[in-house]
Amino acid sequence: MRIGQVIGKVTMNIQEEAFHGGRWLVVNPVDTEQINTCISQPPSLTKQSSLIIYDNIGAGEGDIIGFVEGAEATAPFDGPTPIDAISLAIFDTLKYTAPAN
């Protein structure tokens, strides 16, 4: 699972039937050095590109979410579904301590 902040939403006219009830969000991945501060202040843009992520848990702009990509993103669906990333969690608080060298 990766962590990111919702920075926008996508509006579309037609959507695959498997995605009924959800929406698409623009998410900026959070780097490890930004984890402890991302809830109190928006993270600056990272070196990573923003992602379009399917959301059916109700995340909104500014929320910090956990998401997965690839084959794991298709797990919640009954059949083959054309998806690259899906949100799994909305975080209220985060605390990260780097491992000792």
Protein backbone atom coordinates (compact mmCIF):
# COMPACT_ATOMS: atom_id res chain seq x y z
CA MET A 1 0.00 0.00 0.00
CA ARG A 2 1.16 3.52 -0.78
CA ILE A 3 0.09 6.83 0.77
CA GLY A 4 -1.11 9.89 -1.12
CA GLN A 5 -3.10 13.10 -0.80
CA VAL A 6 -6.21 13.76 -2.87
CA ILE A 7 -5.63 16.94 -4.89
CA GLY A 8 -8.63 16.85 -7.22
CA LYS A 9 -11.31 14.79 -8.91
CA VAL A 10 -12.01 13.60 -12.45
CA THR A 11 -15.32 14.18 -14.19
CA MET A 12 -16.35 11.92 -17.07
CA ASN A 13 -19.42 11.42 -19.22
CA ILE A 14 -19.29 7.63 -19.58
CA GLN A 15 -17.95 5.12 -17.09
CA GLU A 16 -17.48 1.34 -17.18
CA GLU A 17 -20.46 -0.37 -15.48
CA ALA A 18 -18.17 -2.15 -12.99
CA PHE A 19 -17.31 1.25 -11.48
CA HIS A 20 -20.91 2.18 -10.61
CA GLY A 21 -21.10 4.01 -7.28
CA GLY A 22 -17.52 5.26 -7.20
CA ARG A 23 -15.53 8.16 -8.57
CA TRP A 24 -12.06 8.98 -9.81
CA LEU A 25 -9.60 11.11 -7.84
CA VAL A 26 -6.31 12.79 -8.67
CA VAL A 27 -3.80 11.76 -5.98
CA ASN A 28 -0.32 13.07 -5.26
CA PRO A 29 1.87 10.32 -3.70
CA VAL A 30 3.48 11.24 -0.35
CA ASP A 31 7.21 10.63 0.16
CA THR A 32 8.43 9.05 3.41
CA GLU A 33 9.83 12.37 4.69
CA GLN A 34 6.36 13.96 4.26
CA ILE A 35 4.31 11.30 6.11
CA ASN A 36 4.41 12.89 9.57
CA THR A 37 3.41 16.35 8.31
CA CYS A 38 1.03 15.60 5.42
CA ILE A 39 -2.15 15.77 7.54
CA SER A 40 -1.36 19.17 9.08
CA GLN A 41 0.04 20.74 5.91
CA PRO A 42 -0.38 19.74 2.27
CA PRO A 43 2.70 17.99 0.92
CA SER A 44 4.63 19.78 -1.77
CA LEU A 45 4.73 18.09 -5.14
CA THR A 46 6.91 15.01 -5.15
CA LYS A 47 9.20 13.68 -7.84
CA GLN A 48 6.50 11.08 -8.54
CA SER A 49 3.69 11.80 -10.99
CA SER A 50 0.14 12.25 -9.75
CA LEU A 51 -2.17 9.27 -10.21
CA ILE A 52 -5.81 8.78 -11.14
CA ILE A 53 -7.32 6.45 -8.52
CA TYR A 54 -10.77 4.84 -8.29
CA ASP A 55 -12.47 5.65 -4.98
CA ASN A 56 -15.58 4.04 -3.53
CA ILE A 57 -14.93 4.87 0.14
CA GLY A 58 -15.74 8.60 -0.01
CA ALA A 59 -12.35 10.33 0.07
CA GLY A 60 -12.38 14.02 -0.72
CA GLU A 61 -9.97 16.75 -1.68
CA GLY A 62 -7.22 17.16 0.91
CA ASP A 63 -7.71 13.68 2.44
CA ILE A 64 -4.70 11.44 3.00
CA ILE A 65 -5.45 7.97 1.64
CA GLY A 66 -3.89 4.56 1.34
CA PHE A 67 -4.05 3.03 -2.14
CA VAL A 68 -2.85 -0.01 -4.04
CA GLU A 69 -1.91 -0.42 -7.66
CA GLY A 70 -1.76 -3.26 -10.16
CA ALA A 71 -3.39 -6.66 -9.68
CA GLU A 72 -4.30 -5.89 -6.05
CA ALA A 73 -6.50 -3.03 -7.27
CA THR A 74 -8.79 -5.47 -9.10
CA ALA A 75 -9.40 -7.67 -6.02
CA PRO A 76 -12.64 -5.95 -4.86
CA PHE A 77 -14.35 -6.60 -8.20
CA ASP A 78 -16.15 -9.80 -9.23
CA GLY A 79 -14.82 -10.04 -12.76
CA PRO A 80 -11.95 -8.68 -14.82
CA THR A 81 -11.97 -4.91 -14.40
CA PRO A 82 -9.83 -2.31 -16.20
CA ILE A 83 -8.26 -0.53 -13.23
CA ASP A 84 -4.74 0.49 -12.21
CA ALA A 85 -5.24 1.89 -8.68
CA ILE A 86 -7.92 1.94 -5.96
CA SER A 87 -8.21 3.71 -2.59
CA LEU A 88 -8.38 1.48 0.49
CA ALA A 89 -8.21 3.77 3.52
CA ILE A 90 -8.68 7.35 4.66
CA PHE A 91 -6.19 8.22 7.40
CA ASP A 92 -7.06 10.41 10.40
CA THR A 93 -3.50 10.39 11.79
CA LEU A 94 -0.15 9.04 10.68
CA LYS A 95 3.13 8.55 12.55
CA TYR A 96 6.24 7.24 10.84
CA THR A 97 9.61 6.48 12.41
CA ALA A 98 12.43 5.65 10.03
CA PRO A 99 14.22 2.37 10.75
CA ALA A 100 17.60 2.69 12.48
CA ASN A 101 20.62 2.06 10.27
